[in-house]
Amino acid sequence: MSDLKEGEDFYFERGLMVLTAKYLLKRGYCCRNACRNCPYGFTKKKKEADEKGAGQV
């Protein structure tokens, strides 16, 4: 991905860089990190459920 544009691809919130849904869609895949603006529907609850299920056989 080329140069990121503030306000379009990301913004800062409490000193942290937050990627926009527009950028995440442009990137083309879900990283499964429960990003704040995830356009793929991967939420913090889904991440927690995945982590709990990972230890079970």
PDB file of N, CA and C in Angstrom:
ATOM      1  N   MET A   1       0.855  -1.170   0.000  1.00  0.00           N
ATOM      2  CA  MET A   1       0.000   0.000   0.000  1.00  0.00           C
ATOM      3  C   MET A   1       0.897   1.228   0.000  1.00  0.00           C
ATOM      4  N   SER A   2       0.516   2.195  -0.766  1.00  0.00           N
ATOM      5  CA  SER A   2       1.345   3.407  -0.865  1.00  0.00           C
ATOM      6  C   SER A   2       1.085   4.345   0.318  1.00  0.00           C
ATOM      7  N   ASP A   3       1.431   5.591   0.155  1.00  0.00           N
ATOM      8  CA  ASP A   3       1.319   6.576   1.228  1.00  0.00           C
ATOM      9  C   ASP A   3      -0.094   6.653   1.802  1.00  0.00           C
ATOM     10  N   LEU A   4      -0.167   6.670   3.113  1.00  0.00           N
ATOM     11  CA  LEU A   4      -1.446   6.812   3.796  1.00  0.00           C
ATOM     12  C   LEU A   4      -1.792   8.285   3.935  1.00  0.00           C
ATOM     13  N   LYS A   5      -3.083   8.608   3.826  1.00  0.00           N
ATOM     14  CA  LYS A   5      -3.526   9.990   3.946  1.00  0.00           C
ATOM     15  C   LYS A   5      -4.348  10.146   5.225  1.00  0.00           C
ATOM     16  N   GLU A   6      -3.877  11.057   6.090  1.00  0.00           N
ATOM     17  CA  GLU A   6      -4.592  11.300   7.337  1.00  0.00           C
ATOM     18  C   GLU A   6      -5.994  11.827   7.036  1.00  0.00           C
ATOM     19  N   GLY A   7      -6.968  11.309   7.750  1.00  0.00           N
ATOM     20  CA  GLY A   7      -8.357  11.700   7.550  1.00  0.00           C
ATOM     21  C   GLY A   7      -9.076  10.811   6.561  1.00  0.00           C
ATOM     22  N   GLU A   8      -8.340  10.222   5.637  1.00  0.00           N
ATOM     23  CA  GLU A   8      -8.936   9.322   4.654  1.00  0.00           C
ATOM     24  C   GLU A   8      -8.630   7.865   4.997  1.00  0.00           C
ATOM     25  N   ASP A   9      -7.376   7.581   5.276  1.00  0.00           N
ATOM     26  CA  ASP A   9      -6.951   6.216   5.573  1.00  0.00           C
ATOM     27  C   ASP A   9      -6.791   5.952   7.069  1.00  0.00           C
ATOM     28  N   PHE A  10      -6.581   7.003   7.833  1.00  0.00           N
ATOM     29  CA  PHE A  10      -6.399   6.860   9.275  1.00  0.00           C
ATOM     30  C   PHE A  10      -6.671   8.187   9.968  1.00  0.00           C
ATOM     31  N   TYR A  11      -6.823   8.098  11.282  1.00  0.00           N
ATOM     32  CA  TYR A  11      -6.927   9.288  12.130  1.00  0.00           C
ATOM     33  C   TYR A  11      -6.303   8.947  13.473  1.00  0.00           C
ATOM     34  N   PHE A  12      -6.052   9.949  14.277  1.00  0.00           N
ATOM     35  CA  PHE A  12      -5.467   9.724  15.595  1.00  0.00           C
ATOM     36  C   PHE A  12      -6.531   9.873  16.672  1.00  0.00           C
ATOM     37  N   GLU A  13      -6.521   8.933  17.600  1.00  0.00           N
ATOM     38  CA  GLU A  13      -7.443   8.960  18.728  1.00  0.00           C
ATOM     39  C   GLU A  13      -6.649   8.678  19.993  1.00  0.00           C
ATOM     40  N   ARG A  14      -6.614   9.626  20.896  1.00  0.00           N
ATOM     41  CA  ARG A  14      -5.849   9.522  22.144  1.00  0.00           C
ATOM     42  C   ARG A  14      -4.399   9.100  21.884  1.00  0.00           C
ATOM     43  N   GLY A  15      -3.816   9.655  20.828  1.00  0.00           N
ATOM     44  CA  GLY A  15      -2.417   9.394  20.514  1.00  0.00           C
ATOM     45  C   GLY A  15      -2.158   8.134  19.714  1.00  0.00           C
ATOM     46  N   LEU A  16      -3.196   7.380  19.407  1.00  0.00           N
ATOM     47  CA  LEU A  16      -3.033   6.146  18.635  1.00  0.00           C
ATOM     48  C   LEU A  16      -3.586   6.314  17.230  1.00  0.00           C
ATOM     49  N   MET A  17      -2.933   5.697  16.253  1.00  0.00           N
ATOM     50  CA  MET A  17      -3.401   5.753  14.883  1.00  0.00           C
ATOM     51  C   MET A  17      -4.481   4.690  14.677  1.00  0.00           C
ATOM     52  N   VAL A  18      -5.641   5.105  14.163  1.00  0.00           N
ATOM     53  CA  VAL A  18      -6.770   4.215  13.924  1.00  0.00           C
ATOM     54  C   VAL A  18      -7.018   4.168  12.419  1.00  0.00           C
ATOM     55  N   LEU A  19      -7.019   2.977  11.844  1.00  0.00           N
ATOM     56  CA  LEU A  19      -7.273   2.825  10.410  1.00  0.00           C
ATOM     57  C   LEU A  19      -8.763   2.956  10.132  1.00  0.00           C
ATOM     58  N   THR A  20      -9.104   3.577   9.006  1.00  0.00           N
ATOM     59  CA  THR A  20     -10.509   3.742   8.629  1.00  0.00           C
ATOM     60  C   THR A  20     -11.013   2.495   7.904  1.00  0.00           C
ATOM     61  N   ALA A  21     -12.333   2.339   7.890  1.00  0.00           N
ATOM     62  CA  ALA A  21     -12.942   1.224   7.171  1.00  0.00           C
ATOM     63  C   ALA A  21     -12.588   1.301   5.684  1.00  0.00           C
ATOM     64  N   LYS A  22     -12.527   2.505   5.162  1.00  0.00           N
ATOM     65  CA  LYS A  22     -12.177   2.688   3.744  1.00  0.00           C
ATOM     66  C   LYS A  22     -10.794   2.093   3.457  1.00  0.00           C
ATOM     67  N   TYR A  23      -9.822   2.394   4.330  1.00  0.00           N
ATOM     68  CA  TYR A  23      -8.481   1.844   4.144  1.00  0.00           C
ATOM     69  C   TYR A  23      -8.482   0.325   4.300  1.00  0.00           C
ATOM     70  N   LEU A  24      -9.177  -0.172   5.315  1.00  0.00           N
ATOM     71  CA  LEU A  24      -9.190  -1.617   5.557  1.00  0.00           C
ATOM     72  C   LEU A  24      -9.815  -2.372   4.385  1.00  0.00           C
ATOM     73  N   LEU A  25     -10.845  -1.801   3.777  1.00  0.00           N
ATOM     74  CA  LEU A  25     -11.435  -2.425   2.583  1.00  0.00           C
ATOM     75  C   LEU A  25     -10.453  -2.396   1.419  1.00  0.00           C
ATOM     76  N   LYS A  26      -9.761  -1.252   1.273  1.00  0.00           N
ATOM     77  CA  LYS A  26      -8.780  -1.107   0.196  1.00  0.00           C
ATOM     78  C   LYS A  26      -7.652  -2.129   0.363  1.00  0.00           C
ATOM     79  N   ARG A  27      -7.291  -2.412   1.631  1.00  0.00           N
ATOM     80  CA  ARG A  27      -6.232  -3.381   1.915  1.00  0.00           C
ATOM     81  C   ARG A  27      -6.629  -4.769   1.408  1.00  0.00           C
ATOM     82  N   GLY A  28      -7.913  -5.105   1.524  1.00  0.00           N
ATOM     83  CA  GLY A  28      -8.414  -6.310   0.886  1.00  0.00           C
ATOM     84  C   GLY A  28      -8.524  -7.568   1.722  1.00  0.00           C
ATOM     85  N   TYR A  29      -8.231  -7.517   3.008  1.00  0.00           N
ATOM     86  CA  TYR A  29      -8.390  -8.708   3.845  1.00  0.00           C
ATOM     87  C   TYR A  29      -8.567  -8.306   5.302  1.00  0.00           C
ATOM     88  N   CYS A  30      -9.101  -9.230   6.091  1.00  0.00           N
ATOM     89  CA  CYS A  30      -9.284  -9.006   7.522  1.00  0.00           C
ATOM     90  C   CYS A  30      -8.103  -9.603   8.271  1.00  0.00           C
ATOM     91  N   CYS A  31      -7.507  -8.810   9.160  1.00  0.00           N
ATOM     92  CA  CYS A  31      -6.353  -9.272   9.939  1.00  0.00           C
ATOM     93  C   CYS A  31      -6.783  -9.997  11.217  1.00  0.00           C
ATOM     94  N   ARG A  32      -8.096  -9.992  11.510  1.00  0.00           N
ATOM     95  CA  ARG A  32      -8.672 -10.658  12.679  1.00  0.00           C
ATOM     96  C   ARG A  32      -8.118 -10.117  14.000  1.00  0.00           C
ATOM     97  N   ASN A  33      -7.833  -8.809  14.025  1.00  0.00           N
ATOM     98  CA  ASN A  33      -7.381  -8.156  15.252  1.00  0.00           C
ATOM     99  C   ASN A  33      -8.476  -7.300  15.883  1.00  0.00           C
ATOM    100  N   ALA A  34      -9.693  -7.413  15.380  1.00  0.00           N
ATOM    101  CA  ALA A  34     -10.841  -6.654  15.894  1.00  0.00           C
ATOM    102  C   ALA A  34     -10.596  -5.147  15.812  1.00  0.00           C
ATOM    103  N   CYS A  35     -10.164  -4.688  14.651  1.00  0.00           N
ATOM    104  CA  CYS A  35      -9.928  -3.258  14.434  1.00  0.00           C
ATOM    105  C   CYS A  35     -11.212  -2.472  14.712  1.00  0.00           C
ATOM    106  N   ARG A  36     -11.071  -1.287  15.239  1.00  0.00           N
ATOM    107  CA  ARG A  36     -12.212  -0.446  15.608  1.00  0.00           C
ATOM    108  C   ARG A  36     -13.184  -0.256  14.438  1.00  0.00           C
ATOM    109  N   ASN A  37     -12.683  -0.083  13.236  1.00  0.00           N
ATOM    110  CA  ASN A  37     -13.527   0.193  12.069  1.00  0.00           C
ATOM    111  C   ASN A  37     -13.585  -0.975  11.095  1.00  0.00           C
ATOM    112  N   CYS A  38     -13.478  -2.196  11.589  1.00  0.00           N
ATOM    113  CA  CYS A  38     -13.435  -3.373  10.713  1.00  0.00           C
ATOM    114  C   CYS A  38     -14.670  -3.469   9.815  1.00  0.00           C
ATOM    115  N   PRO A  39     -14.482  -3.410   8.498  1.00  0.00           N
ATOM    116  CA  PRO A  39     -15.616  -3.527   7.577  1.00  0.00           C
ATOM    117  C   PRO A  39     -15.991  -4.985   7.305  1.00  0.00           C
ATOM    118  N   TYR A  40     -15.226  -5.919   7.852  1.00  0.00           N
ATOM    119  CA  TYR A  40     -15.453  -7.343   7.618  1.00  0.00           C
ATOM    120  C   TYR A  40     -16.276  -7.990   8.725  1.00  0.00           C
ATOM    121  N   GLY A  41     -16.669  -7.201   9.734  1.00  0.00           N
ATOM    122  CA  GLY A  41     -17.523  -7.714  10.797  1.00  0.00           C
ATOM    123  C   GLY A  41     -16.799  -8.477  11.893  1.00  0.00           C
ATOM    124  N   PHE A  42     -15.479  -8.413  11.922  1.00  0.00           N
ATOM    125  CA  PHE A  42     -14.737  -9.104  12.974  1.00  0.00           C
ATOM    126  C   PHE A  42     -14.677  -8.191  14.192  1.00  0.00           C
ATOM    127  N   THR A  43     -15.365  -8.580  15.256  1.00  0.00           N
ATOM    128  CA  THR A  43     -15.476  -7.734  16.443  1.00  0.00           C
ATOM    129  C   THR A  43     -14.637  -8.267  17.599  1.00  0.00           C
ATOM    130  N   LYS A  44     -14.536  -7.474  18.634  1.00  0.00           N
ATOM    131  CA  LYS A  44     -13.808  -7.869  19.835  1.00  0.00           C
ATOM    132  C   LYS A  44     -14.445  -9.121  20.453  1.00  0.00           C
ATOM    133  N   LYS A  45     -15.785  -9.214  20.407  1.00  0.00           N
ATOM    134  CA  LYS A  45     -16.481 -10.390  20.952  1.00  0.00           C
ATOM    135  C   LYS A  45     -16.110 -11.646  20.164  1.00  0.00           C
ATOM    136  N   LYS A  46     -16.033 -11.529  18.845  1.00  0.00           N
ATOM    137  CA  LYS A  46     -15.656 -12.683  18.022  1.00  0.00           C
ATOM    138  C   LYS A  46     -14.222 -13.093  18.303  1.00  0.00           C
ATOM    139  N   LYS A  47     -13.346 -12.102  18.497  1.00  0.00           N
ATOM    140  CA  LYS A  47     -11.952 -12.399  18.793  1.00  0.00           C
ATOM    141  C   LYS A  47     -11.847 -13.136  20.129  1.00  0.00           C
ATOM    142  N   GLU A  48     -12.572 -12.666  21.154  1.00  0.00           N
ATOM    143  CA  GLU A  48     -12.556 -13.316  22.459  1.00  0.00           C
ATOM    144  C   GLU A  48     -13.086 -14.744  22.375  1.00  0.00           C
ATOM    145  N   ALA A  49     -14.150 -14.946  21.592  1.00  0.00           N
ATOM    146  CA  ALA A  49     -14.721 -16.282  21.423  1.00  0.00           C
ATOM    147  C   ALA A  49     -13.727 -17.204  20.728  1.00  0.00           C
ATOM    148  N   ASP A  50     -13.033 -16.695  19.720  1.00  0.00           N
ATOM    149  CA  ASP A  50     -12.018 -17.478  19.016  1.00  0.00           C
ATOM    150  C   ASP A  50     -10.889 -17.882  19.961  1.00  0.00           C
ATOM    151  N   GLU A  51     -10.469 -16.931  20.818  1.00  0.00           N
ATOM    152  CA  GLU A  51      -9.367 -17.207  21.742  1.00  0.00           C
ATOM    153  C   GLU A  51      -9.775 -18.236  22.791  1.00  0.00           C
ATOM    154  N   LYS A  52     -11.003 -18.185  23.270  1.00  0.00           N
ATOM    155  CA  LYS A  52     -11.494 -19.158  24.254  1.00  0.00           C
ATOM    156  C   LYS A  52     -11.601 -20.536  23.619  1.00  0.00           C
ATOM    157  N   GLY A  53     -12.049 -20.582  22.368  1.00  0.00           N
ATOM    158  CA  GLY A  53     -12.225 -21.852  21.671  1.00  0.00           C
ATOM    159  C   GLY A  53     -10.908 -22.473  21.239  1.00  0.00           C
ATOM    160  N   ALA A  54      -9.858 -21.683  21.123  1.00  0.00           N
ATOM    161  CA  ALA A  54      -8.568 -22.193  20.651  1.00  0.00           C
ATOM    162  C   ALA A  54      -7.960 -23.196  21.619  1.00  0.00           C
ATOM    163  N   GLY A  55      -8.245 -23.058  22.906  1.00  0.00           N
ATOM    164  CA  GLY A  55      -7.675 -23.966  23.893  1.00  0.00           C
ATOM    165  C   GLY A  55      -8.451 -25.265  24.040  1.00  0.00           C
ATOM    166  N   GLN A  56      -9.624 -25.342  23.397  1.00  0.00           N
ATOM    167  CA  GLN A  56     -10.443 -26.546  23.511  1.00  0.00           C
ATOM    168  C   GLN A  56     -10.181 -27.501  22.365  1.00  0.00           C
ATOM    169  N   VAL A  57     -10.315 -28.777  22.643  1.00  0.00           N
ATOM    170  CA  VAL A  57     -10.110 -29.794  21.593  1.00  0.00           C
ATOM    171  C   VAL A  57     -11.389 -30.517  21.311  1.00  0.00           C
TER     172      VAL A  57
END
